[in-house]
Amino acid sequence: MKRRIAIVGAAWLALVAMPAGAQERTAVKAGFELPSGSGKTILVLRPTVSVGAQSTGGMFEPNGDWTDQARRNIEAALTEQQQRIGNRVVAAPESYGADAQLVEEYAALFAAVSQSVIDYQFFVGNRLPTKKRDNKANVFD
């Protein structure tokens, strides 16, 4: 009986530990430290946030009050965190017309680039051929 429990426990540990081993462990460069008091100014575009609840039918029902509160919480936390290291956070002013369209295009570009970084940098199996460690000759298939 004890042997069976030990085998089940070992199998469970192997299953739990396996996803951790599959992840990239170098998302932060070794020795990197964000300098304090750098005095940078960060422009923050209005974050896209939607908070709500799941209805009895399984559909998402957005809640405007919760969404506004979540947006304020994100902005306050970001501002507090950046001020701690000496940076200044500036909210982008509300834009209209052609300016609003340009801001939306920049936000979409940022979303595409940041998602590509997440997909191709943080997960070893998704690395682009030119970025793989075994591509020392700077060529790919």
Protein backbone atom coordinates (compact mmCIF):
# COMPACT_ATOMS: atom_id res chain seq x y z
CA MET A 1 0.00 0.00 0.00
CA LYS A 2 2.80 2.43 0.89
CA ARG A 3 4.55 1.59 -2.35
CA ARG A 4 1.41 2.39 -4.34
CA ILE A 5 1.08 5.76 -2.58
CA ALA A 6 4.75 6.50 -3.28
CA ILE A 7 4.33 5.65 -6.99
CA VAL A 8 1.19 7.81 -7.29
CA GLY A 9 2.97 10.64 -5.47
CA ALA A 10 6.02 10.41 -7.72
CA ALA A 11 3.85 10.39 -10.85
CA TRP A 12 1.93 13.41 -9.60
CA LEU A 13 5.17 15.31 -8.89
CA ALA A 14 6.48 14.45 -12.36
CA LEU A 15 3.32 15.80 -13.98
CA VAL A 16 3.36 18.98 -11.92
CA ALA A 17 7.07 19.63 -12.48
CA MET A 18 7.01 18.95 -16.22
CA PRO A 19 5.31 22.22 -17.34
CA ALA A 20 7.78 24.22 -15.28
CA GLY A 21 10.69 22.55 -17.06
CA ALA A 22 9.19 23.34 -20.47
CA GLN A 23 9.12 27.08 -19.85
CA GLU A 24 11.92 29.48 -20.76
CA ARG A 25 13.78 30.47 -17.62
CA THR A 26 15.59 33.49 -19.04
CA ALA A 27 12.74 35.99 -19.44
CA VAL A 28 14.91 38.42 -17.46
CA LYS A 29 18.50 38.85 -18.49
CA ALA A 30 20.92 37.70 -15.81
CA GLY A 31 22.36 40.65 -13.95
CA PHE A 32 19.78 43.11 -15.30
CA GLU A 33 18.76 45.72 -12.80
CA LEU A 34 16.50 48.67 -13.54
CA PRO A 35 18.38 51.75 -12.38
CA SER A 36 16.62 53.72 -9.69
CA GLY A 37 16.13 57.43 -10.21
CA SER A 38 16.49 57.29 -14.00
CA GLY A 39 13.91 60.08 -14.36
CA LYS A 40 12.18 58.58 -17.40
CA THR A 41 8.76 59.79 -18.52
CA ILE A 42 6.33 57.03 -19.52
CA LEU A 43 3.33 57.82 -21.70
CA VAL A 44 0.45 55.47 -20.88
CA LEU A 45 -2.27 54.91 -23.46
CA ARG A 46 -5.68 54.16 -22.01
CA PRO A 47 -5.62 50.43 -21.20
CA THR A 48 -8.20 48.16 -22.80
CA VAL A 49 -10.00 46.65 -19.83
CA SER A 50 -13.31 44.82 -19.63
CA VAL A 51 -14.56 43.45 -16.33
CA GLY A 52 -17.85 41.68 -15.80
CA ALA A 53 -19.53 38.54 -14.65
CA GLN A 54 -20.65 35.29 -16.21
CA SER A 55 -24.41 35.08 -16.59
CA THR A 56 -26.45 31.99 -15.82
CA GLY A 57 -26.43 31.27 -19.57
CA GLY A 58 -22.63 31.30 -19.62
CA MET A 59 -22.32 34.61 -21.46
CA PHE A 60 -19.98 37.42 -20.38
CA GLU A 61 -21.88 40.46 -19.09
CA PRO A 62 -19.66 43.55 -18.83
CA ASN A 63 -20.04 45.80 -15.80
CA GLY A 64 -19.18 49.45 -16.47
CA ASP A 65 -18.55 50.36 -12.83
CA TRP A 66 -16.18 47.42 -12.34
CA THR A 67 -14.38 48.23 -15.60
CA ASP A 68 -13.85 51.87 -14.60
CA GLN A 69 -12.60 50.82 -11.17
CA ALA A 70 -10.23 48.25 -12.68
CA ARG A 71 -8.84 50.84 -15.11
CA ARG A 72 -8.25 53.30 -12.24
CA ASN A 73 -6.60 50.57 -10.15
CA ILE A 74 -4.23 49.61 -12.99
CA GLU A 75 -3.25 53.23 -13.62
CA ALA A 76 -2.73 53.91 -9.89
CA ALA A 77 -0.62 50.78 -9.39
CA LEU A 78 1.51 51.55 -12.46
CA THR A 79 2.03 55.14 -11.36
CA GLU A 80 2.95 54.10 -7.82
CA GLN A 81 5.37 51.42 -9.01
CA GLN A 82 7.12 53.74 -11.46
CA GLN A 83 7.32 56.64 -8.99
CA ARG A 84 9.06 54.32 -6.53
CA ILE A 85 11.96 53.99 -8.96
CA GLY A 86 11.95 57.66 -9.97
CA ASN A 87 9.97 57.60 -13.21
CA ARG A 88 7.06 59.86 -14.11
CA VAL A 89 3.86 58.45 -15.64
CA VAL A 90 1.76 60.65 -17.93
CA ALA A 91 -1.67 59.56 -19.16
CA ALA A 92 -2.22 60.16 -22.86
CA PRO A 93 -4.77 62.92 -23.42
CA GLU A 94 -8.15 62.01 -24.87
CA SER A 95 -7.96 62.26 -28.66
CA TYR A 96 -10.65 62.73 -31.28
CA GLY A 97 -11.02 62.22 -35.03
CA ALA A 98 -7.85 61.49 -37.00
CA ASP A 99 -5.73 61.68 -33.83
CA ALA A 100 -7.88 59.01 -32.17
CA GLN A 101 -7.47 56.78 -35.21
CA LEU A 102 -3.69 57.24 -35.12
CA VAL A 103 -3.58 56.38 -31.40
CA GLU A 104 -5.67 53.27 -32.09
CA GLU A 105 -3.25 52.22 -34.85
CA TYR A 106 -0.28 52.65 -32.51
CA ALA A 107 -2.06 50.63 -29.83
CA ALA A 108 -2.79 47.84 -32.34
CA LEU A 109 0.85 47.87 -33.50
CA PHE A 110 2.07 47.67 -29.91
CA ALA A 111 -0.33 44.79 -29.21
CA ALA A 112 0.94 42.85 -32.25
CA VAL A 113 4.62 43.41 -31.42
CA SER A 114 4.24 42.60 -27.73
CA GLN A 115 2.29 39.41 -28.51
CA SER A 116 5.04 38.37 -30.94
CA VAL A 117 7.66 38.91 -28.23
CA ILE A 118 5.63 36.77 -25.83
CA ASP A 119 5.09 34.03 -28.44
CA TYR A 120 8.59 33.85 -29.89
CA GLN A 121 10.88 34.92 -27.04
CA PHE A 122 9.50 33.39 -23.86
CA PHE A 123 8.73 29.88 -25.13
CA VAL A 124 11.66 27.86 -26.43
CA GLY A 125 9.61 25.70 -28.79
CA ASN A 126 8.29 28.77 -30.62
CA ARG A 127 11.64 30.44 -31.28
CA LEU A 128 12.13 31.85 -34.75
CA PRO A 129 14.79 29.91 -36.73
CA THR A 130 17.24 32.85 -36.65
CA LYS A 131 16.88 33.19 -32.86
CA LYS A 132 17.52 29.60 -31.83
CA ARG A 133 20.66 28.94 -29.83
CA ASP A 134 21.73 26.16 -32.21
CA ASN A 135 21.81 28.65 -35.12
CA LYS A 136 25.40 29.72 -34.53
CA ALA A 137 26.15 29.89 -38.26
CA ASN A 138 23.47 32.60 -38.73
CA VAL A 139 21.58 30.51 -41.29
CA PHE A 140 18.26 28.76 -41.19
CA ASP A 141 16.56 26.03 -43.23
